[in-house]
PDB file of N, CA and C in Angstrom:
ATOM      1  N   UNK A   1     -47.488  -8.244   6.003  1.00  0.00           N
ATOM      2  CA  UNK A   1     -46.708  -7.755   7.105  1.00  0.00           C
ATOM      3  C   UNK A   1     -45.622  -6.828   6.568  1.00  0.00           C
ATOM      4  N   UNK A   2     -45.724  -5.565   6.829  1.00  0.00           N
ATOM      5  CA  UNK A   2     -44.813  -4.548   6.300  1.00  0.00           C
ATOM      6  C   UNK A   2     -43.845  -4.130   7.399  1.00  0.00           C
ATOM      7  N   UNK A   3     -42.529  -4.212   7.113  1.00  0.00           N
ATOM      8  CA  UNK A   3     -41.506  -3.844   8.087  1.00  0.00           C
ATOM      9  C   UNK A   3     -40.670  -2.666   7.615  1.00  0.00           C
ATOM     10  N   UNK A   4     -41.094  -1.987   6.587  1.00  0.00           N
ATOM     11  CA  UNK A   4     -40.326  -0.863   6.070  1.00  0.00           C
ATOM     12  C   UNK A   4     -39.518  -1.293   4.856  1.00  0.00           C
ATOM     13  N   UNK A   5     -38.698  -0.377   4.324  1.00  0.00           N
ATOM     14  CA  UNK A   5     -37.918  -0.704   3.128  1.00  0.00           C
ATOM     15  C   UNK A   5     -36.890  -1.788   3.422  1.00  0.00           C
ATOM     16  N   UNK A   6     -36.728  -2.677   2.461  1.00  0.00           N
ATOM     17  CA  UNK A   6     -35.773  -3.765   2.620  1.00  0.00           C
ATOM     18  C   UNK A   6     -34.440  -3.341   2.021  1.00  0.00           C
ATOM     19  N   UNK A   7     -33.395  -3.729   2.702  1.00  0.00           N
ATOM     20  CA  UNK A   7     -32.050  -3.494   2.190  1.00  0.00           C
ATOM     21  C   UNK A   7     -31.405  -4.836   1.904  1.00  0.00           C
ATOM     22  N   UNK A   8     -30.636  -4.853   0.842  1.00  0.00           N
ATOM     23  CA  UNK A   8     -29.899  -6.073   0.536  1.00  0.00           C
ATOM     24  C   UNK A   8     -28.676  -6.130   1.431  1.00  0.00           C
ATOM     25  N   UNK A   9     -28.316  -7.333   1.839  1.00  0.00           N
ATOM     26  CA  UNK A   9     -27.130  -7.511   2.667  1.00  0.00           C
ATOM     27  C   UNK A   9     -25.897  -7.126   1.860  1.00  0.00           C
ATOM     28  N   UNK A  10     -24.998  -6.446   2.481  1.00  0.00           N
ATOM     29  CA  UNK A  10     -23.748  -6.084   1.840  1.00  0.00           C
ATOM     30  C   UNK A  10     -23.816  -4.794   1.042  1.00  0.00           C
ATOM     31  N   UNK A  11     -24.994  -4.204   0.903  1.00  0.00           N
ATOM     32  CA  UNK A  11     -25.060  -2.955   0.151  1.00  0.00           C
ATOM     33  C   UNK A  11     -24.577  -1.816   1.044  1.00  0.00           C
ATOM     34  N   UNK A  12     -23.895  -0.880   0.443  1.00  0.00           N
ATOM     35  CA  UNK A  12     -23.331   0.226   1.198  1.00  0.00           C
ATOM     36  C   UNK A  12     -24.183   1.464   1.028  1.00  0.00           C
ATOM     37  N   UNK A  13     -24.295   2.193   2.088  1.00  0.00           N
ATOM     38  CA  UNK A  13     -24.999   3.455   2.051  1.00  0.00           C
ATOM     39  C   UNK A  13     -24.054   4.507   1.492  1.00  0.00           C
ATOM     40  N   UNK A  14     -24.543   5.386   0.620  1.00  0.00           N
ATOM     41  CA  UNK A  14     -23.656   6.440   0.125  1.00  0.00           C
ATOM     42  C   UNK A  14     -23.258   7.351   1.287  1.00  0.00           C
ATOM     43  N   UNK A  15     -21.994   7.633   1.366  1.00  0.00           N
ATOM     44  CA  UNK A  15     -21.492   8.458   2.466  1.00  0.00           C
ATOM     45  C   UNK A  15     -20.813   9.698   1.934  1.00  0.00           C
ATOM     46  N   UNK A  16     -20.177  10.387   2.836  1.00  0.00           N
ATOM     47  CA  UNK A  16     -19.462  11.593   2.473  1.00  0.00           C
ATOM     48  C   UNK A  16     -18.193  11.201   1.719  1.00  0.00           C
ATOM     49  N   UNK A  17     -17.974  11.827   0.595  1.00  0.00           N
ATOM     50  CA  UNK A  17     -16.792  11.549  -0.211  1.00  0.00           C
ATOM     51  C   UNK A  17     -15.673  12.478   0.232  1.00  0.00           C
ATOM     52  N   UNK A  18     -14.543  11.867   0.610  1.00  0.00           N
ATOM     53  CA  UNK A  18     -13.397  12.631   1.071  1.00  0.00           C
ATOM     54  C   UNK A  18     -12.282  12.451   0.044  1.00  0.00           C
ATOM     55  N   UNK A  19     -11.728  13.540  -0.475  1.00  0.00           N
ATOM     56  CA  UNK A  19     -10.643  13.422  -1.450  1.00  0.00           C
ATOM     57  C   UNK A  19      -9.449  12.676  -0.865  1.00  0.00           C
ATOM     58  N   UNK A  20      -8.736  11.949  -1.719  1.00  0.00           N
ATOM     59  CA  UNK A  20      -7.600  11.161  -1.265  1.00  0.00           C
ATOM     60  C   UNK A  20      -6.548  12.020  -0.586  1.00  0.00           C
ATOM     61  N   UNK A  21      -6.272  13.184  -1.131  1.00  0.00           N
ATOM     62  CA  UNK A  21      -5.223  14.037  -0.578  1.00  0.00           C
ATOM     63  C   UNK A  21      -5.488  14.374   0.883  1.00  0.00           C
ATOM     64  N   UNK A  22      -6.721  14.647   1.238  1.00  0.00           N
ATOM     65  CA  UNK A  22      -7.003  15.003   2.624  1.00  0.00           C
ATOM     66  C   UNK A  22      -7.003  13.778   3.527  1.00  0.00           C
ATOM     67  N   UNK A  23      -7.326  12.594   2.970  1.00  0.00           N
ATOM     68  CA  UNK A  23      -7.268  11.377   3.779  1.00  0.00           C
ATOM     69  C   UNK A  23      -5.834  11.030   4.108  1.00  0.00           C
ATOM     70  N   UNK A  24      -4.941  11.156   3.143  1.00  0.00           N
ATOM     71  CA  UNK A  24      -3.557  10.754   3.370  1.00  0.00           C
ATOM     72  C   UNK A  24      -2.866  11.673   4.372  1.00  0.00           C
ATOM     73  N   UNK A  25      -3.288  12.920   4.475  1.00  0.00           N
ATOM     74  CA  UNK A  25      -2.667  13.843   5.425  1.00  0.00           C
ATOM     75  C   UNK A  25      -2.968  13.457   6.864  1.00  0.00           C
ATOM     76  N   UNK A  26      -4.099  12.812   7.089  1.00  0.00           N
ATOM     77  CA  UNK A  26      -4.441  12.415   8.445  1.00  0.00           C
ATOM     78  C   UNK A  26      -3.444  11.415   9.002  1.00  0.00           C
ATOM     79  N   UNK A  27      -2.891  10.577   8.141  1.00  0.00           N
ATOM     80  CA  UNK A  27      -2.038   9.483   8.594  1.00  0.00           C
ATOM     81  C   UNK A  27      -0.560   9.847   8.577  1.00  0.00           C
ATOM     82  N   UNK A  28      -0.206  11.002   8.067  1.00  0.00           N
ATOM     83  CA  UNK A  28       1.215  11.341   7.994  1.00  0.00           C
ATOM     84  C   UNK A  28       1.735  11.682   9.384  1.00  0.00           C
ATOM     85  N   UNK A  29       2.970  11.350   9.585  1.00  0.00           N
ATOM     86  CA  UNK A  29       3.607  11.589  10.869  1.00  0.00           C
ATOM     87  C   UNK A  29       4.073  13.035  10.968  1.00  0.00           C
ATOM     88  N   UNK A  30       4.056  13.574  12.153  1.00  0.00           N
ATOM     89  CA  UNK A  30       4.530  14.923  12.355  1.00  0.00           C
ATOM     90  C   UNK A  30       6.033  14.977  12.576  1.00  0.00           C
ATOM     91  N   UNK A  31       6.679  13.827  12.642  1.00  0.00           N
ATOM     92  CA  UNK A  31       8.113  13.771  12.899  1.00  0.00           C
ATOM     93  C   UNK A  31       8.889  14.283  11.689  1.00  0.00           C
ATOM     94  N   UNK A  32      10.017  14.942  11.954  1.00  0.00           N
ATOM     95  CA  UNK A  32      10.809  15.502  10.870  1.00  0.00           C
ATOM     96  C   UNK A  32      11.831  14.508  10.331  1.00  0.00           C
ATOM     97  N   UNK A  33      12.094  13.432  11.043  1.00  0.00           N
ATOM     98  CA  UNK A  33      13.047  12.447  10.553  1.00  0.00           C
ATOM     99  C   UNK A  33      12.402  11.061  10.524  1.00  0.00           C
ATOM    100  N   UNK A  34      12.823  10.213   9.605  1.00  0.00           N
ATOM    101  CA  UNK A  34      12.219   8.890   9.486  1.00  0.00           C
ATOM    102  C   UNK A  34      12.611   7.983  10.651  1.00  0.00           C
ATOM    103  N   UNK A  35      11.734   7.069  10.967  1.00  0.00           N
ATOM    104  CA  UNK A  35      11.959   6.103  12.030  1.00  0.00           C
ATOM    105  C   UNK A  35      12.924   5.022  11.528  1.00  0.00           C
ATOM    106  N   UNK A  36      14.022   4.742  12.240  1.00  0.00           N
ATOM    107  CA  UNK A  36      14.981   3.734  11.777  1.00  0.00           C
ATOM    108  C   UNK A  36      14.354   2.350  11.597  1.00  0.00           C
ATOM    109  N   UNK A  37      13.427   1.976  12.478  1.00  0.00           N
ATOM    110  CA  UNK A  37      12.771   0.674  12.332  1.00  0.00           C
ATOM    111  C   UNK A  37      11.945   0.624  11.061  1.00  0.00           C
ATOM    112  N   UNK A  38      11.311   1.721  10.740  1.00  0.00           N
ATOM    113  CA  UNK A  38      10.484   1.788   9.535  1.00  0.00           C
ATOM    114  C   UNK A  38      11.351   1.618   8.288  1.00  0.00           C
ATOM    115  N   UNK A  39      12.517   2.277   8.291  1.00  0.00           N
ATOM    116  CA  UNK A  39      13.417   2.144   7.151  1.00  0.00           C
ATOM    117  C   UNK A  39      13.970   0.728   7.049  1.00  0.00           C
ATOM    118  N   UNK A  40      14.246   0.098   8.183  1.00  0.00           N
ATOM    119  CA  UNK A  40      14.732  -1.286   8.166  1.00  0.00           C
ATOM    120  C   UNK A  40      13.656  -2.213   7.634  1.00  0.00           C
ATOM    121  N   UNK A  41      12.415  -1.997   8.047  1.00  0.00           N
ATOM    122  CA  UNK A  41      11.310  -2.802   7.532  1.00  0.00           C
ATOM    123  C   UNK A  41      11.141  -2.589   6.038  1.00  0.00           C
ATOM    124  N   UNK A  42      11.304  -1.363   5.591  1.00  0.00           N
ATOM    125  CA  UNK A  42      11.198  -1.072   4.162  1.00  0.00           C
ATOM    126  C   UNK A  42      12.303  -1.802   3.399  1.00  0.00           C
ATOM    127  N   UNK A  43      13.507  -1.803   3.951  1.00  0.00           N
ATOM    128  CA  UNK A  43      14.630  -2.504   3.311  1.00  0.00           C
ATOM    129  C   UNK A  43      14.350  -4.006   3.237  1.00  0.00           C
ATOM    130  N   UNK A  44      13.854  -4.568   4.330  1.00  0.00           N
ATOM    131  CA  UNK A  44      13.537  -6.003   4.337  1.00  0.00           C
ATOM    132  C   UNK A  44      12.460  -6.334   3.316  1.00  0.00           C
ATOM    133  N   UNK A  45      11.425  -5.517   3.256  1.00  0.00           N
ATOM    134  CA  UNK A  45      10.348  -5.759   2.293  1.00  0.00           C
ATOM    135  C   UNK A  45      10.839  -5.590   0.864  1.00  0.00           C
ATOM    136  N   UNK A  46      11.691  -4.600   0.633  1.00  0.00           N
ATOM    137  CA  UNK A  46      12.264  -4.389  -0.694  1.00  0.00           C
ATOM    138  C   UNK A  46      13.039  -5.628  -1.136  1.00  0.00           C
ATOM    139  N   UNK A  47      13.913  -6.116  -0.266  1.00  0.00           N
ATOM    140  CA  UNK A  47      14.711  -7.301  -0.593  1.00  0.00           C
ATOM    141  C   UNK A  47      13.826  -8.521  -0.832  1.00  0.00           C
ATOM    142  N   UNK A  48      12.808  -8.666  -0.011  1.00  0.00           N
ATOM    143  CA  UNK A  48      11.908  -9.818  -0.143  1.00  0.00           C
ATOM    144  C   UNK A  48      11.163  -9.789  -1.472  1.00  0.00           C
ATOM    145  N   UNK A  49      10.573  -8.643  -1.816  1.00  0.00           N
ATOM    146  CA  UNK A  49       9.816  -8.561  -3.065  1.00  0.00           C
ATOM    147  C   UNK A  49      10.726  -8.649  -4.286  1.00  0.00           C
ATOM    148  N   UNK A  50      11.947  -8.150  -4.171  1.00  0.00           N
ATOM    149  CA  UNK A  50      12.884  -8.264  -5.285  1.00  0.00           C
ATOM    150  C   UNK A  50      13.248  -9.732  -5.521  1.00  0.00           C
ATOM    151  N   UNK A  51      13.465 -10.484  -4.446  1.00  0.00           N
ATOM    152  CA  UNK A  51      13.769 -11.909  -4.574  1.00  0.00           C
ATOM    153  C   UNK A  51      12.576 -12.669  -5.165  1.00  0.00           C
ATOM    154  N   UNK A  52      11.363 -12.332  -4.726  1.00  0.00           N
ATOM    155  CA  UNK A  52      10.173 -12.981  -5.276  1.00  0.00           C
ATOM    156  C   UNK A  52      10.011 -12.668  -6.762  1.00  0.00           C
ATOM    157  N   UNK A  53      10.299 -11.426  -7.142  1.00  0.00           N
ATOM    158  CA  UNK A  53      10.191 -11.033  -8.549  1.00  0.00           C
ATOM    159  C   UNK A  53      11.190 -11.804  -9.399  1.00  0.00           C
ATOM    160  N   UNK A  54      12.409 -11.928  -8.921  1.00  0.00           N
ATOM    161  CA  UNK A  54      13.428 -12.671  -9.669  1.00  0.00           C
ATOM    162  C   UNK A  54      13.044 -14.135  -9.812  1.00  0.00           C
ATOM    163  N   UNK A  55      12.496 -14.720  -8.750  1.00  0.00           N
ATOM    164  CA  UNK A  55      12.076 -16.123  -8.812  1.00  0.00           C
ATOM    165  C   UNK A  55      10.954 -16.312  -9.832  1.00  0.00           C
ATOM    166  N   UNK A  56       9.999 -15.388  -9.844  1.00  0.00           N
ATOM    167  CA  UNK A  56       8.904 -15.476 -10.817  1.00  0.00           C
ATOM    168  C   UNK A  56       9.426 -15.310 -12.240  1.00  0.00           C
ATOM    169  N   UNK A  57      10.388 -14.405 -12.425  1.00  0.00           N
ATOM    170  CA  UNK A  57      10.961 -14.199 -13.753  1.00  0.00           C
ATOM    171  C   UNK A  57      11.684 -15.462 -14.222  1.00  0.00           C
ATOM    172  N   UNK A  58      12.409 -16.118 -13.321  1.00  0.00           N
ATOM    173  CA  UNK A  58      13.098 -17.362 -13.677  1.00  0.00           C
ATOM    174  C   UNK A  58      12.118 -18.479 -14.021  1.00  0.00           C
ATOM    175  N   UNK A  59      10.945 -18.458 -13.403  1.00  0.00           N
ATOM    176  CA  UNK A  59       9.917 -19.457 -13.687  1.00  0.00           C
ATOM    177  C   UNK A  59       9.124 -19.134 -14.946  1.00  0.00           C
ATOM    178  N   UNK A  60       9.398 -17.990 -15.547  1.00  0.00           N
ATOM    179  CA  UNK A  60       8.714 -17.611 -16.786  1.00  0.00           C
ATOM    180  C   UNK A  60       7.392 -16.893 -16.577  1.00  0.00           C
ATOM    181  N   UNK A  61       7.101 -16.489 -15.355  1.00  0.00           N
ATOM    182  CA  UNK A  61       5.851 -15.793 -15.060  1.00  0.00           C
ATOM    183  C   UNK A  61       6.117 -14.288 -15.087  1.00  0.00           C
ATOM    184  N   UNK A  62       5.974 -13.691 -16.259  1.00  0.00           N
ATOM    185  CA  UNK A  62       6.278 -12.266 -16.416  1.00  0.00           C
ATOM    186  C   UNK A  62       5.296 -11.386 -15.653  1.00  0.00           C
ATOM    187  N   UNK A  63       4.039 -11.778 -15.621  1.00  0.00           N
ATOM    188  CA  UNK A  63       3.031 -10.967 -14.926  1.00  0.00           C
ATOM    189  C   UNK A  63       3.277 -10.989 -13.418  1.00  0.00           C
ATOM    190  N   UNK A  64       3.542 -12.150 -12.874  1.00  0.00           N
ATOM    191  CA  UNK A  64       3.837 -12.253 -11.447  1.00  0.00           C
ATOM    192  C   UNK A  64       5.103 -11.507 -11.083  1.00  0.00           C
ATOM    193  N   UNK A  65       6.121 -11.593 -11.959  1.00  0.00           N
ATOM    194  CA  UNK A  65       7.374 -10.885 -11.709  1.00  0.00           C
ATOM    195  C   UNK A  65       7.139  -9.382 -11.695  1.00  0.00           C
ATOM    196  N   UNK A  66       6.376  -8.880 -12.652  1.00  0.00           N
ATOM    197  CA  UNK A  66       6.092  -7.445 -12.712  1.00  0.00           C
ATOM    198  C   UNK A  66       5.348  -6.981 -11.469  1.00  0.00           C
ATOM    199  N   UNK A  67       4.430  -7.787 -10.977  1.00  0.00           N
ATOM    200  CA  UNK A  67       3.692  -7.456  -9.756  1.00  0.00           C
ATOM    201  C   UNK A  67       4.658  -7.292  -8.584  1.00  0.00           C
ATOM    202  N   UNK A  68       5.554  -8.244  -8.422  1.00  0.00           N
ATOM    203  CA  UNK A  68       6.513  -8.159  -7.320  1.00  0.00           C
ATOM    204  C   UNK A  68       7.505  -7.014  -7.515  1.00  0.00           C
ATOM    205  N   UNK A  69       7.905  -6.745  -8.763  1.00  0.00           N
ATOM    206  CA  UNK A  69       8.786  -5.599  -9.012  1.00  0.00           C
ATOM    207  C   UNK A  69       8.105  -4.288  -8.622  1.00  0.00           C
ATOM    208  N   UNK A  70       6.820  -4.185  -8.864  1.00  0.00           N
ATOM    209  CA  UNK A  70       6.096  -2.962  -8.481  1.00  0.00           C
ATOM    210  C   UNK A  70       6.028  -2.825  -6.964  1.00  0.00           C
ATOM    211  N   UNK A  71       5.846  -3.941  -6.268  1.00  0.00           N
ATOM    212  CA  UNK A  71       5.859  -3.889  -4.804  1.00  0.00           C
ATOM    213  C   UNK A  71       7.245  -3.455  -4.312  1.00  0.00           C
ATOM    214  N   UNK A  72       8.295  -4.034  -4.907  1.00  0.00           N
ATOM    215  CA  UNK A  72       9.660  -3.672  -4.517  1.00  0.00           C
ATOM    216  C   UNK A  72       9.921  -2.185  -4.778  1.00  0.00           C
ATOM    217  N   UNK A  73       9.413  -1.684  -5.903  1.00  0.00           N
ATOM    218  CA  UNK A  73       9.606  -0.272  -6.229  1.00  0.00           C
ATOM    219  C   UNK A  73       8.965   0.631  -5.185  1.00  0.00           C
ATOM    220  N   UNK A  74       7.807   0.232  -4.674  1.00  0.00           N
ATOM    221  CA  UNK A  74       7.150   1.012  -3.628  1.00  0.00           C
ATOM    222  C   UNK A  74       8.070   1.151  -2.417  1.00  0.00           C
ATOM    223  N   UNK A  75       8.646   0.042  -1.970  1.00  0.00           N
ATOM    224  CA  UNK A  75       9.510   0.094  -0.794  1.00  0.00           C
ATOM    225  C   UNK A  75      10.818   0.817  -1.092  1.00  0.00           C
ATOM    226  N   UNK A  76      11.285   0.755  -2.333  1.00  0.00           N
ATOM    227  CA  UNK A  76      12.459   1.529  -2.720  1.00  0.00           C
ATOM    228  C   UNK A  76      12.173   3.024  -2.557  1.00  0.00           C
ATOM    229  N   UNK A  77      10.989   3.438  -2.971  1.00  0.00           N
ATOM    230  CA  UNK A  77      10.622   4.856  -2.827  1.00  0.00           C
ATOM    231  C   UNK A  77      10.479   5.248  -1.381  1.00  0.00           C
ATOM    232  N   UNK A  78       9.963   4.340  -0.557  1.00  0.00           N
ATOM    233  CA  UNK A  78       9.857   4.620   0.892  1.00  0.00           C
ATOM    234  C   UNK A  78      11.239   4.844   1.467  1.00  0.00           C
ATOM    235  N   UNK A  79      12.204   3.998   1.077  1.00  0.00           N
ATOM    236  CA  UNK A  79      13.570   4.141   1.588  1.00  0.00           C
ATOM    237  C   UNK A  79      14.224   5.417   1.075  1.00  0.00           C
ATOM    238  N   UNK A  80      13.913   5.804  -0.144  1.00  0.00           N
ATOM    239  CA  UNK A  80      14.546   6.968  -0.766  1.00  0.00           C
ATOM    240  C   UNK A  80      13.994   8.285  -0.267  1.00  0.00           C
ATOM    241  N   UNK A  81      12.762   8.269   0.238  1.00  0.00           N
ATOM    242  CA  UNK A  81      12.159   9.527   0.684  1.00  0.00           C
ATOM    243  C   UNK A  81      12.783   9.959   2.013  1.00  0.00           C
ATOM    244  N   UNK A  82      12.585  11.211   2.322  1.00  0.00           N
ATOM    245  CA  UNK A  82      13.085  11.747   3.593  1.00  0.00           C
ATOM    246  C   UNK A  82      12.032  11.663   4.677  1.00  0.00           C
ATOM    247  N   UNK A  83      11.170  10.687   4.575  1.00  0.00           N
ATOM    248  CA  UNK A  83      10.097  10.570   5.550  1.00  0.00           C
ATOM    249  C   UNK A  83       8.864  11.333   5.173  1.00  0.00           C
ATOM    250  N   UNK A  84       8.872  11.966   3.996  1.00  0.00           N
ATOM    251  CA  UNK A  84       7.725  12.737   3.555  1.00  0.00           C
ATOM    252  C   UNK A  84       6.791  11.855   2.737  1.00  0.00           C
ATOM    253  N   UNK A  85       5.508  11.977   2.960  1.00  0.00           N
ATOM    254  CA  UNK A  85       4.522  11.263   2.167  1.00  0.00           C
ATOM    255  C   UNK A  85       4.390   9.799   2.502  1.00  0.00           C
ATOM    256  N   UNK A  86       4.926   9.384   3.615  1.00  0.00           N
ATOM    257  CA  UNK A  86       4.806   7.981   4.011  1.00  0.00           C
ATOM    258  C   UNK A  86       3.537   7.789   4.786  1.00  0.00           C
TER     259      UNK A  86
END
């Protein structure tokens, strides 16, 4: 009984490759000034990840601390930008 070519579950079909730069432009806002709520959320996330990083460092987990510091750095950059590239 032949039903055609079999595909494995979970395999992906090759699709059109879109460069990252052009994908990120689709999601950028057209607004010239940053949203105050967005900056407040960035500040909250920055503080949260910084506290988590410090706690991990105190527990002796250098890898976990570095992970949280990198997350905090991301939100620091979001706060520092003028709304560009977010």
